[in-house]
């Protein structure tokens, strides 16, 4: 079942996000350390209440989370529990986030994908825009900007 994020979901979402980060081979030690320190339950509870965030729940367990940032029409933070990946959960969450964006009048959405999920987005109609990177403390994050028309 897909539903809106609740503050009580923050712990489970933090665990999923951090497990996903640990499984990303493109992240070095400084990047992983930064992300693990950032994505705490408290941080998610504060940030997720500012945006449109959905979770995928099955048998009272959160298996995935994704958000839509309206200010820049960005799909951000689509994370699926590593044990539940490749079962269509990410696609379902992405479809619902895109529907919400369209319902709110957006003509397109963007995402900044790490290189590992780039193929996931490409298979769902997202097109490559450019490569990017940004630095936070000692960590450098490389990503691919992708976009999809909603028209």
Protein backbone atom coordinates (compact mmCIF):
# COMPACT_ATOMS: atom_id res chain seq x y z
CA UNK A 1 0.00 0.00 0.00
CA UNK A 2 1.25 3.46 -0.86
CA UNK A 3 0.42 6.24 1.58
CA UNK A 4 1.67 9.60 2.79
CA UNK A 5 4.67 9.73 5.11
CA UNK A 6 3.96 10.03 8.84
CA UNK A 7 6.45 11.23 11.46
CA UNK A 8 6.27 7.74 12.96
CA UNK A 9 7.80 6.39 9.70
CA UNK A 10 11.04 8.36 10.14
CA UNK A 11 12.99 5.58 11.87
CA UNK A 12 12.11 2.94 9.27
CA UNK A 13 12.82 5.34 6.39
CA UNK A 14 16.19 6.28 7.89
CA UNK A 15 17.15 2.59 8.12
CA UNK A 16 16.14 1.93 4.50
CA UNK A 17 17.98 4.99 3.18
CA UNK A 18 21.14 4.15 5.09
CA UNK A 19 21.06 0.49 3.98
CA UNK A 20 20.73 1.67 0.37
CA UNK A 21 23.67 4.03 0.78
CA UNK A 22 25.80 1.22 2.23
CA UNK A 23 25.05 -0.89 -0.86
CA UNK A 24 26.14 1.78 -3.38
CA UNK A 25 29.61 0.92 -4.68
CA UNK A 26 30.10 4.42 -6.14
CA UNK A 27 30.13 5.98 -2.67
CA UNK A 28 33.53 6.30 -1.05
CA UNK A 29 34.17 6.43 2.69
CA UNK A 30 33.77 10.23 3.04
CA UNK A 31 30.51 10.20 1.06
CA UNK A 32 29.06 7.28 3.00
CA UNK A 33 30.04 8.81 6.34
CA UNK A 34 28.39 12.12 5.39
CA UNK A 35 25.15 10.44 4.28
CA UNK A 36 24.90 8.16 7.32
CA UNK A 37 25.26 11.16 9.60
CA UNK A 38 22.74 13.20 7.60
CA UNK A 39 19.80 10.84 7.16
CA UNK A 40 18.76 10.45 10.78
CA UNK A 41 15.14 9.94 11.81
CA UNK A 42 15.06 13.50 13.20
CA UNK A 43 16.33 14.99 9.93
CA UNK A 44 13.80 13.02 7.88
CA UNK A 45 10.91 13.95 10.17
CA UNK A 46 11.73 17.64 9.71
CA UNK A 47 12.51 17.55 5.98
CA UNK A 48 9.76 15.19 4.89
CA UNK A 49 7.03 17.29 6.46
CA UNK A 50 8.07 20.17 4.14
CA UNK A 51 7.58 18.10 0.98
CA UNK A 52 5.22 15.57 -0.58
CA UNK A 53 6.53 12.18 0.59
CA UNK A 54 5.08 8.73 0.04
CA UNK A 55 5.96 5.40 1.61
CA UNK A 56 5.28 1.88 0.42
CA UNK A 57 4.05 -0.28 3.30
CA UNK A 58 3.36 -4.01 3.31
CA UNK A 59 2.35 -6.04 6.36
CA UNK A 60 2.92 -2.97 8.55
CA UNK A 61 6.53 -2.68 7.36
CA UNK A 62 7.90 0.25 5.36
CA UNK A 63 9.67 -1.06 2.24
CA UNK A 64 10.21 2.15 0.28
CA UNK A 65 10.08 5.93 0.35
CA UNK A 66 10.14 8.71 -2.24
CA UNK A 67 9.56 12.45 -2.31
CA UNK A 68 8.53 15.26 -4.62
CA UNK A 69 10.03 18.71 -4.08
CA UNK A 70 7.60 21.20 -5.57
CA UNK A 71 9.97 24.18 -5.64
CA UNK A 72 12.07 22.61 -8.40
CA UNK A 73 9.82 19.76 -9.60
CA UNK A 74 12.33 17.20 -8.37
CA UNK A 75 11.76 13.55 -7.57
CA UNK A 76 14.18 13.02 -4.72
CA UNK A 77 15.14 10.27 -2.35
CA UNK A 78 13.51 7.25 -3.96
CA UNK A 79 14.82 4.44 -1.78
CA UNK A 80 13.68 0.82 -1.59
CA UNK A 81 14.71 -1.64 1.11
CA UNK A 82 17.53 -3.68 -0.51
CA UNK A 83 15.72 -6.92 0.43
CA UNK A 84 12.60 -5.72 -1.44
CA UNK A 85 14.21 -4.33 -4.59
CA UNK A 86 13.30 -5.55 -8.10
CA UNK A 87 9.69 -6.21 -7.09
CA UNK A 88 8.10 -3.12 -8.65
CA UNK A 89 7.95 -1.04 -5.47
CA UNK A 90 10.16 1.73 -6.86
CA UNK A 91 8.13 1.89 -10.07
CA UNK A 92 4.88 2.16 -8.12
CA UNK A 93 6.21 4.95 -5.91
CA UNK A 94 7.66 6.80 -8.89
CA UNK A 95 4.37 6.58 -10.79
CA UNK A 96 2.44 8.01 -7.83
CA UNK A 97 4.96 10.84 -7.38
CA UNK A 98 4.70 11.67 -11.08
CA UNK A 99 0.89 11.64 -10.85
CA UNK A 100 1.05 14.05 -7.92
CA UNK A 101 3.38 16.35 -9.87
CA UNK A 102 1.01 16.32 -12.84
CA UNK A 103 -2.01 16.94 -10.57
CA UNK A 104 -0.20 20.00 -9.22
CA UNK A 105 0.30 21.38 -12.72
CA UNK A 106 3.92 20.45 -13.33
CA UNK A 107 4.83 19.80 -16.97
CA UNK A 108 8.02 17.85 -16.22
CA UNK A 109 10.01 16.43 -13.33
CA UNK A 110 13.73 16.05 -12.80
CA UNK A 111 15.85 13.76 -10.67
CA UNK A 112 19.48 13.73 -9.67
CA UNK A 113 20.29 10.04 -9.81
CA UNK A 114 23.43 8.36 -8.62
CA UNK A 115 24.88 6.31 -11.45
CA UNK A 116 23.59 2.99 -10.10
CA UNK A 117 19.84 3.83 -10.52
CA UNK A 118 20.31 5.74 -13.79
CA UNK A 119 19.06 2.73 -15.78
CA UNK A 120 15.97 2.48 -13.54
CA UNK A 121 14.93 6.02 -14.47
CA UNK A 122 15.85 5.63 -18.15
CA UNK A 123 13.59 2.57 -18.35
CA UNK A 124 10.73 4.72 -17.06
CA UNK A 125 10.99 7.48 -19.63
CA UNK A 126 13.58 9.77 -18.04
CA UNK A 127 16.13 11.32 -20.36
CA UNK A 128 19.72 12.24 -19.63
CA UNK A 129 20.30 15.99 -19.21
CA UNK A 130 23.82 16.27 -17.82
CA UNK A 131 26.31 14.97 -15.29
CA UNK A 132 26.81 16.92 -12.12
CA UNK A 133 28.67 16.88 -8.85
CA UNK A 134 28.72 18.77 -5.60
CA UNK A 135 30.97 18.79 -2.58
CA UNK A 136 29.87 18.59 1.05
CA UNK A 137 32.64 18.67 3.64
CA UNK A 138 35.18 16.04 2.45
CA UNK A 139 32.62 14.24 0.32
CA UNK A 140 32.12 14.64 -3.43
CA UNK A 141 28.85 13.41 -4.90
CA UNK A 142 28.61 12.60 -8.60
CA UNK A 143 25.19 12.19 -10.18
CA UNK A 144 23.26 12.33 -13.42
CA UNK A 145 20.48 14.89 -13.94
CA UNK A 146 17.53 13.30 -15.73
CA UNK A 147 14.10 14.65 -16.66
CA UNK A 148 10.75 13.38 -17.83
CA UNK A 149 7.93 15.22 -19.55
CA UNK A 150 4.55 14.71 -17.91
CA UNK A 151 2.57 15.91 -20.94
